[in-house]
Amino acid sequence: MNRSIDRRTLLGAGAALAAAALPAWAQAQPTLRFAAVFSDKDIRADMMKMFAKEVEADFKLETHLNSTLFRQGTELVALQRDNLEMGNIAPQDFAKQVPAWSLLTAAYVFRDANHLTAFFASEAGAQMKKMVEDQVKVKILGPTFFGTRHVGLKPKKKISVPADLAGVKLRMPPGDAWQLLGRSLGANPTPMAYAETYTGLQTGAVDGQDNPLPNIQNMKFNEVMSQIVLTSHLVAFDLLTVNLKTWNAMGAAKQRAFQAAADKAIAWSTAEHQKREAELAESFRKGGLDVYVPNIGAFREHAQKVYLASDEAKAWPPGMLDKINAMK
C-alpha cells in the first residue's frame, strides 16, 4: 500500500512532537490556590494581589480568604498532602510538628517588625526555615508581619499587671501554643475561631481577644469592646508558604523570580502595617475606646517565667534565643 504524506501532515506531526517535548509549565499556565484566614479587607489581601501581578506571566494565583477553602489550622496539612499550593501559615501550626518552632511563638521574643525581618534574613532564620522544609516538606517564602498583638476587652476593668487578667476569658486561636500564650499573659485562654470572635465578644462567650490593631479594625472588634490594653506581647506574623512539590517543579529561574516577587510584596505589606498601626491607636481613642499602656515590664517578666518553665522551652534550639536577642 502506498502512503503519501503531505506537507500539512508533516507540519501537524512536527507541532505535536514539539508540544510533547515542552515541559508542563510551558504548555499550560499552572493555577496556584492560596488559602488564608484573613479577610479581603486585610492589607495582606492586597499583598497577595501585588504578588499575583508579579508572577502572572508564569502562574495564575487563585485566592481563597476568610478560611473559605480550608478551616483555620488545617491549611498546613492541605499543603503537605498536595491538596493546596500556597498558604499563609501561623508559626503556631509549624510548632505542632516542629517543637523547636515554639520559640518563635513565645511572647516578647521579637521587639518589632524590623527585628522579625532581620531574623528571618539571617543564618539563624535560615536554620529555622530549613527545619520546616526538611521535616514538614513545605517551603517558607518569608514572614508576613500583620501587627503587634494587644489585649482588647469588653469589660471596663483596668489592667495594669498580669494578675489583673486572672479569670478573664481571653479568646485565642485553637492550639496548644496559642493557649500557652494566653496563660503567659495571666488570662484564662479560650479557643475560638477567628471568624466567630465578634459574636463571642458580643454574647459574652469570651471577655476579650488579642490581635493587632489592623485586625481589630478589619473585623470590627472595636464595636464590641470597651478598651484596648497595649500589651505589645507578640510581634504577630504568619509565613507565606508554598507546597514543596509545586516549588521543586518550578526550576531554578522561576524559583528566583517567585521568591523575589514574594520579598517585594511582603516588604510592602510590612510597611503598610507599620503605618496603619501608628494611626489606629488614636483613631480608636477618638472612637470612644480606652486605649492605654499597662506595666509592660511586669507582663514581660511574667511571660518569660511561664515560657521558660514550660515543656515547650525544652525543645528550643540551644543558643537560639540568645542569637535573636543579640540582633539589632
C-alpha atoms as a PDB file:
ATOM      1  CA  MET A   1       0.000   0.000   0.000  1.00  0.00           C
ATOM      2  CA  ASN A   2       1.408   3.395  -0.976  1.00  0.00           C
ATOM      3  CA  ARG A   3       1.362   6.009   1.733  1.00  0.00           C
ATOM      4  CA  SER A   4       1.682   9.647   0.830  1.00  0.00           C
ATOM      5  CA  ILE A   5       2.491  12.221   3.469  1.00  0.00           C
ATOM      6  CA  ASP A   6       1.521  15.757   2.523  1.00  0.00           C
ATOM      7  CA  ARG A   7       3.027  18.993   3.887  1.00  0.00           C
ATOM      8  CA  ARG A   8       0.097  19.645   6.244  1.00  0.00           C
ATOM      9  CA  THR A   9       0.504  16.218   7.862  1.00  0.00           C
ATOM     10  CA  LEU A  10       4.208  16.805   8.371  1.00  0.00           C
ATOM     11  CA  LEU A  11       3.600  20.205   9.919  1.00  0.00           C
ATOM     12  CA  GLY A  12       0.946  18.771  12.231  1.00  0.00           C
ATOM     13  CA  ALA A  13       3.192  15.956  13.347  1.00  0.00           C
ATOM     14  CA  GLY A  14       6.037  18.374  13.967  1.00  0.00           C
ATOM     15  CA  ALA A  15       3.847  20.606  16.098  1.00  0.00           C
ATOM     16  CA  ALA A  16       2.651  17.648  18.133  1.00  0.00           C
ATOM     17  CA  LEU A  17       6.207  16.491  18.756  1.00  0.00           C
ATOM     18  CA  ALA A  18       7.276  19.995  19.759  1.00  0.00           C
ATOM     19  CA  ALA A  19       4.403  20.289  22.230  1.00  0.00           C
ATOM     20  CA  ALA A  20       5.235  16.915  23.716  1.00  0.00           C
ATOM     21  CA  ALA A  21       8.815  17.998  24.204  1.00  0.00           C
ATOM     22  CA  LEU A  22       7.827  21.132  26.114  1.00  0.00           C
ATOM     23  CA  PRO A  23       7.665  20.943  29.903  1.00  0.00           C
ATOM     24  CA  ALA A  24       4.256  21.136  31.583  1.00  0.00           C
ATOM     25  CA  TRP A  25       4.976  24.737  32.690  1.00  0.00           C
ATOM     26  CA  ALA A  26       5.272  25.861  29.063  1.00  0.00           C
ATOM     27  CA  GLN A  27       2.173  24.045  27.830  1.00  0.00           C
ATOM     28  CA  ALA A  28      -0.258  25.455  30.404  1.00  0.00           C
ATOM     29  CA  GLN A  29      -0.060  28.228  32.979  1.00  0.00           C
ATOM     30  CA  PRO A  30      -0.421  26.464  36.358  1.00  0.00           C
ATOM     31  CA  THR A  31      -3.089  27.651  38.797  1.00  0.00           C
ATOM     32  CA  LEU A  32      -1.847  28.124  42.356  1.00  0.00           C
ATOM     33  CA  ARG A  33      -4.563  28.119  45.009  1.00  0.00           C
ATOM     34  CA  PHE A  34      -3.774  30.295  48.021  1.00  0.00           C
ATOM     35  CA  ALA A  35      -5.655  29.863  51.314  1.00  0.00           C
ATOM     36  CA  ALA A  36      -5.657  32.198  54.321  1.00  0.00           C
ATOM     37  CA  VAL A  37      -7.707  33.081  57.388  1.00  0.00           C
ATOM     38  CA  PHE A  38      -7.554  36.837  56.808  1.00  0.00           C
ATOM     39  CA  SER A  39     -10.314  38.792  55.047  1.00  0.00           C
ATOM     40  CA  ASP A  40     -10.308  40.721  51.784  1.00  0.00           C
ATOM     41  CA  LYS A  41     -10.109  43.925  53.861  1.00  0.00           C
ATOM     42  CA  ASP A  42      -6.713  42.876  55.244  1.00  0.00           C
ATOM     43  CA  ILE A  43      -3.545  44.557  53.961  1.00  0.00           C
ATOM     44  CA  ARG A  44      -2.246  41.068  53.211  1.00  0.00           C
ATOM     45  CA  ALA A  45      -5.074  40.582  50.708  1.00  0.00           C
ATOM     46  CA  ASP A  46      -3.588  43.495  48.762  1.00  0.00           C
ATOM     47  CA  MET A  47      -0.152  41.953  49.305  1.00  0.00           C
ATOM     48  CA  MET A  48      -1.339  38.836  47.504  1.00  0.00           C
ATOM     49  CA  LYS A  49      -2.803  40.900  44.650  1.00  0.00           C
ATOM     50  CA  MET A  50       0.613  42.509  44.229  1.00  0.00           C
ATOM     51  CA  PHE A  51       2.286  39.098  44.340  1.00  0.00           C
ATOM     52  CA  ALA A  52      -0.193  37.691  41.781  1.00  0.00           C
ATOM     53  CA  LYS A  53       0.615  40.558  39.411  1.00  0.00           C
ATOM     54  CA  GLU A  54       4.337  39.919  39.769  1.00  0.00           C
ATOM     55  CA  VAL A  55       4.066  36.221  38.877  1.00  0.00           C
ATOM     56  CA  GLU A  56       1.197  36.362  36.369  1.00  0.00           C
ATOM     57  CA  ALA A  57       3.462  35.576  33.412  1.00  0.00           C
ATOM     58  CA  ASP A  58       4.156  32.135  34.880  1.00  0.00           C
ATOM     59  CA  PHE A  59       1.260  31.375  37.236  1.00  0.00           C
ATOM     60  CA  LYS A  60      -2.385  32.132  37.818  1.00  0.00           C
ATOM     61  CA  LEU A  61      -2.978  32.822  41.523  1.00  0.00           C
ATOM     62  CA  GLU A  62      -6.395  31.914  42.904  1.00  0.00           C
ATOM     63  CA  THR A  63      -7.006  33.372  46.383  1.00  0.00           C
ATOM     64  CA  HIS A  64      -9.366  31.882  48.989  1.00  0.00           C
ATOM     65  CA  LEU A  65      -9.680  34.137  52.062  1.00  0.00           C
ATOM     66  CA  ASN A  66     -11.716  34.033  55.297  1.00  0.00           C
ATOM     67  CA  SER A  67     -10.959  30.287  55.668  1.00  0.00           C
ATOM     68  CA  THR A  68     -13.370  29.566  52.803  1.00  0.00           C
ATOM     69  CA  LEU A  69     -11.273  26.788  51.257  1.00  0.00           C
ATOM     70  CA  PHE A  70      -9.760  25.194  54.378  1.00  0.00           C
ATOM     71  CA  ARG A  71     -10.721  25.657  58.005  1.00  0.00           C
ATOM     72  CA  GLN A  72      -8.285  27.685  60.141  1.00  0.00           C
ATOM     73  CA  GLY A  73      -5.411  25.480  61.262  1.00  0.00           C
ATOM     74  CA  THR A  74      -5.880  22.850  58.535  1.00  0.00           C
ATOM     75  CA  GLU A  75      -4.098  24.700  55.719  1.00  0.00           C
ATOM     76  CA  LEU A  76      -0.685  23.244  56.584  1.00  0.00           C
ATOM     77  CA  VAL A  77      -1.896  19.656  56.327  1.00  0.00           C
ATOM     78  CA  ALA A  78      -3.506  20.531  52.974  1.00  0.00           C
ATOM     79  CA  LEU A  79      -0.123  21.794  51.739  1.00  0.00           C
ATOM     80  CA  GLN A  80       1.595  18.636  52.950  1.00  0.00           C
ATOM     81  CA  ARG A  81      -0.953  16.401  51.221  1.00  0.00           C
ATOM     82  CA  ASP A  82      -0.618  18.292  47.928  1.00  0.00           C
ATOM     83  CA  ASN A  83      -4.211  19.495  48.249  1.00  0.00           C
ATOM     84  CA  LEU A  84      -3.110  23.141  48.290  1.00  0.00           C
ATOM     85  CA  GLU A  85      -0.336  25.027  46.519  1.00  0.00           C
ATOM     86  CA  MET A  86       0.113  28.107  48.748  1.00  0.00           C
ATOM     87  CA  GLY A  87      -0.942  29.156  52.234  1.00  0.00           C
ATOM     88  CA  ASN A  88      -0.412  31.791  54.900  1.00  0.00           C
ATOM     89  CA  ILE A  89       0.527  29.579  57.847  1.00  0.00           C
ATOM     90  CA  ALA A  90       0.737  30.529  61.517  1.00  0.00           C
ATOM     91  CA  PRO A  91       4.067  29.709  63.203  1.00  0.00           C
ATOM     92  CA  GLN A  92       1.991  28.009  65.915  1.00  0.00           C
ATOM     93  CA  ASP A  93       0.895  25.445  63.309  1.00  0.00           C
ATOM     94  CA  PHE A  94       4.519  24.715  62.430  1.00  0.00           C
ATOM     95  CA  ALA A  95       5.301  24.353  66.142  1.00  0.00           C
ATOM     96  CA  LYS A  96       2.833  21.452  66.351  1.00  0.00           C
ATOM     97  CA  GLN A  97       5.085  19.434  64.039  1.00  0.00           C
ATOM     98  CA  VAL A  98       8.462  21.058  64.723  1.00  0.00           C
ATOM     99  CA  PRO A  99       8.635  21.683  68.504  1.00  0.00           C
ATOM    100  CA  ALA A 100      11.713  23.915  68.155  1.00  0.00           C
ATOM    101  CA  TRP A 101       9.483  26.446  66.412  1.00  0.00           C
ATOM    102  CA  SER A 102       7.581  27.093  69.640  1.00  0.00           C
ATOM    103  CA  LEU A 103      10.397  29.541  70.436  1.00  0.00           C
ATOM    104  CA  LEU A 104       9.191  31.784  67.601  1.00  0.00           C
ATOM    105  CA  THR A 105       5.660  31.788  69.032  1.00  0.00           C
ATOM    106  CA  ALA A 106       6.689  32.877  72.528  1.00  0.00           C
ATOM    107  CA  ALA A 107       5.701  36.236  73.995  1.00  0.00           C
ATOM    108  CA  TYR A 108       8.189  39.115  73.882  1.00  0.00           C
ATOM    109  CA  VAL A 109      10.741  37.336  71.636  1.00  0.00           C
ATOM    110  CA  PHE A 110      10.763  39.851  68.766  1.00  0.00           C
ATOM    111  CA  ARG A 111      10.888  43.564  69.511  1.00  0.00           C
ATOM    112  CA  ASP A 112       9.252  44.840  66.324  1.00  0.00           C
ATOM    113  CA  ALA A 113       8.718  44.133  62.619  1.00  0.00           C
ATOM    114  CA  ASN A 114      12.281  45.130  61.709  1.00  0.00           C
ATOM    115  CA  HIS A 115      13.692  42.686  64.269  1.00  0.00           C
ATOM    116  CA  LEU A 116      11.455  39.948  62.843  1.00  0.00           C
ATOM    117  CA  THR A 117      12.560  40.652  59.272  1.00  0.00           C
ATOM    118  CA  ALA A 118      16.237  40.732  60.268  1.00  0.00           C
ATOM    119  CA  PHE A 119      15.922  37.358  61.976  1.00  0.00           C
ATOM    120  CA  PHE A 120      14.388  35.558  59.006  1.00  0.00           C
ATOM    121  CA  ALA A 121      17.031  37.065  56.708  1.00  0.00           C
ATOM    122  CA  SER A 122      19.821  35.808  58.983  1.00  0.00           C
ATOM    123  CA  GLU A 123      21.680  32.497  59.167  1.00  0.00           C
ATOM    124  CA  ALA A 124      19.688  31.621  62.309  1.00  0.00           C
ATOM    125  CA  GLY A 125      16.438  32.299  60.446  1.00  0.00           C
ATOM    126  CA  ALA A 126      17.589  30.129  57.546  1.00  0.00           C
ATOM    127  CA  GLN A 127      18.249  27.340  60.051  1.00  0.00           C
ATOM    128  CA  MET A 128      14.668  27.525  61.342  1.00  0.00           C
ATOM    129  CA  LYS A 129      13.222  27.634  57.818  1.00  0.00           C
ATOM    130  CA  LYS A 130      15.270  24.594  56.813  1.00  0.00           C
ATOM    131  CA  MET A 131      13.824  22.659  59.772  1.00  0.00           C
ATOM    132  CA  VAL A 132      10.371  23.213  58.310  1.00  0.00           C
ATOM    133  CA  GLU A 133      11.441  22.297  54.795  1.00  0.00           C
ATOM    134  CA  ASP A 134      13.144  19.089  55.971  1.00  0.00           C
ATOM    135  CA  GLN A 135      10.522  17.956  58.488  1.00  0.00           C
ATOM    136  CA  VAL A 136       7.241  19.405  57.220  1.00  0.00           C
ATOM    137  CA  LYS A 137       8.043  19.394  53.490  1.00  0.00           C
ATOM    138  CA  VAL A 138       6.873  22.902  52.663  1.00  0.00           C
ATOM    139  CA  LYS A 139       8.850  25.948  51.503  1.00  0.00           C
ATOM    140  CA  ILE A 140       8.736  29.180  53.525  1.00  0.00           C
ATOM    141  CA  LEU A 141       8.988  32.302  51.356  1.00  0.00           C
ATOM    142  CA  GLY A 142       9.006  34.772  54.248  1.00  0.00           C
ATOM    143  CA  PRO A 143       7.249  36.178  57.340  1.00  0.00           C
ATOM    144  CA  THR A 144       4.069  38.169  56.763  1.00  0.00           C
ATOM    145  CA  PHE A 145       4.000  40.676  59.632  1.00  0.00           C
ATOM    146  CA  PHE A 146       0.495  41.827  60.463  1.00  0.00           C
ATOM    147  CA  GLY A 147       0.986  43.982  63.529  1.00  0.00           C
ATOM    148  CA  THR A 148       1.776  43.754  67.214  1.00  0.00           C
ATOM    149  CA  ARG A 149      -0.748  41.850  69.292  1.00  0.00           C
ATOM    150  CA  HIS A 150      -2.515  43.633  72.131  1.00  0.00           C
ATOM    151  CA  VAL A 151      -5.308  42.629  74.506  1.00  0.00           C
ATOM    152  CA  GLY A 152      -8.782  44.007  73.776  1.00  0.00           C
ATOM    153  CA  LEU A 153     -11.528  43.625  76.389  1.00  0.00           C
ATOM    154  CA  LYS A 154     -15.269  44.055  76.648  1.00  0.00           C
ATOM    155  CA  PRO A 155     -15.272  44.601  80.478  1.00  0.00           C
ATOM    156  CA  LYS A 156     -14.095  48.029  81.658  1.00  0.00           C
ATOM    157  CA  LYS A 157     -11.819  46.664  84.396  1.00  0.00           C
ATOM    158  CA  LYS A 158      -8.463  48.472  84.320  1.00  0.00           C
ATOM    159  CA  ILE A 159      -5.490  46.211  83.531  1.00  0.00           C
ATOM    160  CA  SER A 160      -2.028  47.060  84.834  1.00  0.00           C
ATOM    161  CA  VAL A 161      -0.297  43.729  85.575  1.00  0.00           C
ATOM    162  CA  PRO A 162      -0.926  40.080  84.579  1.00  0.00           C
ATOM    163  CA  ALA A 163      -2.762  39.378  87.847  1.00  0.00           C
ATOM    164  CA  ASP A 164      -5.468  41.770  86.657  1.00  0.00           C
ATOM    165  CA  LEU A 165      -6.314  39.348  83.852  1.00  0.00           C
ATOM    166  CA  ALA A 166      -6.952  36.426  86.228  1.00  0.00           C
ATOM    167  CA  GLY A 167     -10.229  34.762  85.298  1.00  0.00           C
ATOM    168  CA  VAL A 168     -10.640  36.817  82.116  1.00  0.00           C
ATOM    169  CA  LYS A 169     -11.820  34.583  79.248  1.00  0.00           C
ATOM    170  CA  LEU A 170      -9.439  35.643  76.502  1.00  0.00           C
ATOM    171  CA  ARG A 171     -10.229  34.332  73.039  1.00  0.00           C
ATOM    172  CA  MET A 172      -7.191  32.678  71.481  1.00  0.00           C
ATOM    173  CA  PRO A 173      -6.908  30.649  68.284  1.00  0.00           C
ATOM    174  CA  PRO A 174      -7.117  26.872  68.802  1.00  0.00           C
ATOM    175  CA  GLY A 175      -3.848  25.061  69.536  1.00  0.00           C
ATOM    176  CA  ASP A 176      -1.535  24.481  72.493  1.00  0.00           C
ATOM    177  CA  ALA A 177       0.925  27.228  71.511  1.00  0.00           C
ATOM    178  CA  TRP A 178      -1.843  29.829  71.498  1.00  0.00           C
ATOM    179  CA  GLN A 179      -3.217  28.647  74.829  1.00  0.00           C
ATOM    180  CA  LEU A 180       0.256  28.918  76.359  1.00  0.00           C
ATOM    181  CA  LEU A 181       0.497  32.475  75.059  1.00  0.00           C
ATOM    182  CA  GLY A 182      -2.809  33.333  76.737  1.00  0.00           C
ATOM    183  CA  ARG A 183      -1.664  31.839  80.038  1.00  0.00           C
ATOM    184  CA  SER A 184       1.618  33.741  79.837  1.00  0.00           C
ATOM    185  CA  LEU A 185      -0.425  36.952  79.963  1.00  0.00           C
ATOM    186  CA  GLY A 186      -2.212  35.824  83.129  1.00  0.00           C
ATOM    187  CA  ALA A 187      -5.565  35.220  81.400  1.00  0.00           C
ATOM    188  CA  ASN A 188      -7.848  32.213  81.012  1.00  0.00           C
ATOM    189  CA  PRO A 189      -7.356  31.364  77.297  1.00  0.00           C
ATOM    190  CA  THR A 190     -10.466  30.194  75.444  1.00  0.00           C
ATOM    191  CA  PRO A 191     -10.040  28.599  71.986  1.00  0.00           C
ATOM    192  CA  MET A 192     -12.319  30.119  69.360  1.00  0.00           C
ATOM    193  CA  ALA A 193     -12.149  30.503  65.572  1.00  0.00           C
ATOM    194  CA  TYR A 194     -11.235  33.961  64.286  1.00  0.00           C
ATOM    195  CA  ALA A 195     -14.491  34.302  62.329  1.00  0.00           C
ATOM    196  CA  GLU A 196     -16.545  33.578  65.483  1.00  0.00           C
ATOM    197  CA  THR A 197     -14.784  36.120  67.714  1.00  0.00           C
ATOM    198  CA  TYR A 198     -17.050  39.120  67.048  1.00  0.00           C
ATOM    199  CA  THR A 199     -20.132  37.121  68.093  1.00  0.00           C
ATOM    200  CA  GLY A 200     -18.218  35.649  71.036  1.00  0.00           C
ATOM    201  CA  LEU A 201     -17.473  39.138  72.355  1.00  0.00           C
ATOM    202  CA  GLN A 202     -20.991  40.321  71.622  1.00  0.00           C
ATOM    203  CA  THR A 203     -22.644  37.486  73.532  1.00  0.00           C
ATOM    204  CA  GLY A 204     -20.133  37.317  76.380  1.00  0.00           C
ATOM    205  CA  ALA A 205     -18.867  33.857  75.460  1.00  0.00           C
ATOM    206  CA  VAL A 206     -15.433  35.497  75.799  1.00  0.00           C
ATOM    207  CA  ASP A 207     -14.369  38.640  77.647  1.00  0.00           C
ATOM    208  CA  GLY A 208     -11.679  39.672  75.223  1.00  0.00           C
ATOM    209  CA  GLN A 209      -9.346  38.811  72.374  1.00  0.00           C
ATOM    210  CA  ASP A 210      -5.756  39.511  71.396  1.00  0.00           C
ATOM    211  CA  ASN A 211      -4.971  40.886  67.953  1.00  0.00           C
ATOM    212  CA  PRO A 212      -3.004  43.629  66.227  1.00  0.00           C
ATOM    213  CA  LEU A 213      -4.838  46.940  65.762  1.00  0.00           C
ATOM    214  CA  PRO A 214      -5.355  46.486  61.982  1.00  0.00           C
ATOM    215  CA  ASN A 215      -7.122  43.162  62.631  1.00  0.00           C
ATOM    216  CA  ILE A 216      -9.349  44.801  65.233  1.00  0.00           C
ATOM    217  CA  GLN A 217     -10.366  47.345  62.621  1.00  0.00           C
ATOM    218  CA  ASN A 218     -10.817  44.785  59.835  1.00  0.00           C
ATOM    219  CA  MET A 219     -13.047  42.548  61.959  1.00  0.00           C
ATOM    220  CA  LYS A 220     -14.801  45.484  63.720  1.00  0.00           C
ATOM    221  CA  PHE A 221     -13.980  44.081  67.169  1.00  0.00           C
ATOM    222  CA  ASN A 222     -13.859  47.677  68.410  1.00  0.00           C
ATOM    223  CA  GLU A 223     -17.663  47.721  68.144  1.00  0.00           C
ATOM    224  CA  VAL A 224     -17.960  45.107  70.904  1.00  0.00           C
ATOM    225  CA  MET A 225     -15.087  46.138  73.197  1.00  0.00           C
ATOM    226  CA  SER A 226     -14.593  48.923  75.737  1.00  0.00           C
ATOM    227  CA  GLN A 227     -10.803  49.029  75.867  1.00  0.00           C
ATOM    228  CA  ILE A 228      -7.500  48.068  74.267  1.00  0.00           C
ATOM    229  CA  VAL A 229      -4.591  47.284  76.581  1.00  0.00           C
ATOM    230  CA  LEU A 230      -1.366  47.901  74.638  1.00  0.00           C
ATOM    231  CA  THR A 231       0.485  44.879  75.988  1.00  0.00           C
ATOM    232  CA  SER A 232       2.623  44.524  72.823  1.00  0.00           C
ATOM    233  CA  HIS A 233       3.099  40.884  73.814  1.00  0.00           C
ATOM    234  CA  LEU A 234       3.680  39.388  70.392  1.00  0.00           C
ATOM    235  CA  VAL A 235       5.022  40.679  67.099  1.00  0.00           C
ATOM    236  CA  ALA A 236       2.420  38.913  65.002  1.00  0.00           C
ATOM    237  CA  PHE A 237       3.376  37.133  61.811  1.00  0.00           C
ATOM    238  CA  ASP A 238       2.416  34.220  59.638  1.00  0.00           C
ATOM    239  CA  LEU A 239       4.548  32.560  56.976  1.00  0.00           C
ATOM    240  CA  LEU A 240       3.899  32.820  53.247  1.00  0.00           C
ATOM    241  CA  THR A 241       4.367  29.216  52.244  1.00  0.00           C
ATOM    242  CA  VAL A 242       4.367  27.138  49.077  1.00  0.00           C
ATOM    243  CA  ASN A 243       3.823  23.417  48.651  1.00  0.00           C
ATOM    244  CA  LEU A 244       7.239  21.778  48.183  1.00  0.00           C
ATOM    245  CA  LYS A 245       6.115  19.745  45.164  1.00  0.00           C
ATOM    246  CA  THR A 246       4.991  22.963  43.484  1.00  0.00           C
ATOM    247  CA  TRP A 247       8.242  24.719  44.407  1.00  0.00           C
ATOM    248  CA  ASN A 248      10.502  21.925  43.172  1.00  0.00           C
ATOM    249  CA  ALA A 249       8.643  21.739  39.844  1.00  0.00           C
ATOM    250  CA  MET A 250       9.415  25.376  39.034  1.00  0.00           C
ATOM    251  CA  GLY A 251      13.097  25.135  38.221  1.00  0.00           C
ATOM    252  CA  ALA A 252      15.803  27.486  39.480  1.00  0.00           C
ATOM    253  CA  ALA A 253      14.964  30.537  37.330  1.00  0.00           C
ATOM    254  CA  LYS A 254      11.280  30.539  38.207  1.00  0.00           C
ATOM    255  CA  GLN A 255      12.110  29.915  41.874  1.00  0.00           C
ATOM    256  CA  ARG A 256      14.300  33.029  41.942  1.00  0.00           C
ATOM    257  CA  ALA A 257      11.585  35.143  40.312  1.00  0.00           C
ATOM    258  CA  PHE A 258       8.923  33.691  42.607  1.00  0.00           C
ATOM    259  CA  GLN A 259      10.990  34.433  45.726  1.00  0.00           C
ATOM    260  CA  ALA A 260      11.767  37.962  44.517  1.00  0.00           C
ATOM    261  CA  ALA A 261       8.047  38.613  43.958  1.00  0.00           C
ATOM    262  CA  ALA A 262       7.282  37.350  47.466  1.00  0.00           C
ATOM    263  CA  ASP A 263      10.028  39.515  49.006  1.00  0.00           C
ATOM    264  CA  LYS A 264       8.688  42.622  47.254  1.00  0.00           C
ATOM    265  CA  ALA A 265       5.063  42.018  48.285  1.00  0.00           C
ATOM    266  CA  ILE A 266       5.978  41.154  51.895  1.00  0.00           C
ATOM    267  CA  ALA A 267       8.119  44.298  52.272  1.00  0.00           C
ATOM    268  CA  TRP A 268       5.256  46.462  51.005  1.00  0.00           C
ATOM    269  CA  SER A 269       2.761  44.780  53.344  1.00  0.00           C
ATOM    270  CA  THR A 270       5.063  45.194  56.359  1.00  0.00           C
ATOM    271  CA  ALA A 271       5.480  48.919  55.701  1.00  0.00           C
ATOM    272  CA  GLU A 272       1.719  49.371  55.282  1.00  0.00           C
ATOM    273  CA  HIS A 273       1.000  47.574  58.572  1.00  0.00           C
ATOM    274  CA  GLN A 274       3.530  49.728  60.432  1.00  0.00           C
ATOM    275  CA  LYS A 275       1.924  52.864  59.011  1.00  0.00           C
ATOM    276  CA  ARG A 276      -1.597  51.779  59.892  1.00  0.00           C
ATOM    277  CA  GLU A 277      -0.652  50.751  63.444  1.00  0.00           C
ATOM    278  CA  ALA A 278       0.621  54.239  64.126  1.00  0.00           C
ATOM    279  CA  GLU A 279      -2.714  55.724  63.040  1.00  0.00           C
ATOM    280  CA  LEU A 280      -5.166  53.313  64.626  1.00  0.00           C
ATOM    281  CA  ALA A 281      -4.444  53.771  68.345  1.00  0.00           C
ATOM    282  CA  GLU A 282      -5.513  57.415  68.140  1.00  0.00           C
ATOM    283  CA  SER A 283      -8.447  56.527  65.906  1.00  0.00           C
ATOM    284  CA  PHE A 284      -9.779  54.022  68.453  1.00  0.00           C
ATOM    285  CA  ARG A 285      -9.382  56.590  71.245  1.00  0.00           C
ATOM    286  CA  LYS A 286     -11.420  59.079  69.260  1.00  0.00           C
ATOM    287  CA  GLY A 287     -13.999  56.329  68.716  1.00  0.00           C
ATOM    288  CA  GLY A 288     -14.559  56.026  72.474  1.00  0.00           C
ATOM    289  CA  LEU A 289     -12.305  53.127  73.450  1.00  0.00           C
ATOM    290  CA  ASP A 290      -9.944  53.372  76.410  1.00  0.00           C
ATOM    291  CA  VAL A 291      -6.510  52.748  74.872  1.00  0.00           C
ATOM    292  CA  TYR A 292      -3.540  52.682  77.253  1.00  0.00           C
ATOM    293  CA  VAL A 293      -0.197  51.053  78.052  1.00  0.00           C
ATOM    294  CA  PRO A 294      -0.029  48.743  81.118  1.00  0.00           C
ATOM    295  CA  ASN A 295       3.100  47.773  83.075  1.00  0.00           C
ATOM    296  CA  ILE A 296       4.975  46.166  80.162  1.00  0.00           C
ATOM    297  CA  GLY A 297       7.882  45.130  82.398  1.00  0.00           C
ATOM    298  CA  ALA A 298       5.551  43.130  84.637  1.00  0.00           C
ATOM    299  CA  PHE A 299       3.950  41.426  81.632  1.00  0.00           C
ATOM    300  CA  ARG A 300       7.319  40.589  80.067  1.00  0.00           C
ATOM    301  CA  GLU A 301       8.689  39.159  83.304  1.00  0.00           C
ATOM    302  CA  HIS A 302       5.583  37.042  83.912  1.00  0.00           C
ATOM    303  CA  ALA A 303       5.519  35.742  80.339  1.00  0.00           C
ATOM    304  CA  GLN A 304       9.194  34.764  80.356  1.00  0.00           C
ATOM    305  CA  LYS A 305       8.758  32.803  83.588  1.00  0.00           C
ATOM    306  CA  VAL A 306       5.783  30.909  82.166  1.00  0.00           C
ATOM    307  CA  TYR A 307       7.614  30.049  78.942  1.00  0.00           C
ATOM    308  CA  LEU A 308      10.918  29.054  80.494  1.00  0.00           C
ATOM    309  CA  ALA A 309       9.081  26.722  82.882  1.00  0.00           C
ATOM    310  CA  SER A 310       7.087  25.109  80.054  1.00  0.00           C
ATOM    311  CA  ASP A 311       7.739  21.822  78.290  1.00  0.00           C
ATOM    312  CA  GLU A 312       7.927  23.755  75.017  1.00  0.00           C
ATOM    313  CA  ALA A 313      11.133  25.513  76.093  1.00  0.00           C
ATOM    314  CA  LYS A 314      12.909  22.157  76.353  1.00  0.00           C
ATOM    315  CA  ALA A 315      12.736  21.869  72.547  1.00  0.00           C
ATOM    316  CA  TRP A 316      14.184  25.309  71.808  1.00  0.00           C
ATOM    317  CA  PRO A 317      17.475  25.120  69.871  1.00  0.00           C
ATOM    318  CA  PRO A 318      20.393  25.805  72.248  1.00  0.00           C
ATOM    319  CA  GLY A 319      21.574  29.389  71.979  1.00  0.00           C
ATOM    320  CA  MET A 320      18.865  30.427  69.503  1.00  0.00           C
ATOM    321  CA  LEU A 321      17.114  32.805  71.901  1.00  0.00           C
ATOM    322  CA  ASP A 322      20.442  34.489  72.635  1.00  0.00           C
ATOM    323  CA  LYS A 323      21.049  34.921  68.891  1.00  0.00           C
ATOM    324  CA  ILE A 324      17.612  36.531  68.462  1.00  0.00           C
ATOM    325  CA  ASN A 325      18.160  38.854  71.418  1.00  0.00           C
ATOM    326  CA  ALA A 326      21.571  39.911  70.104  1.00  0.00           C
ATOM    327  CA  MET A 327      20.211  41.020  66.723  1.00  0.00           C
ATOM    328  CA  LYS A 328      19.938  44.757  66.137  1.00  0.00           C
END
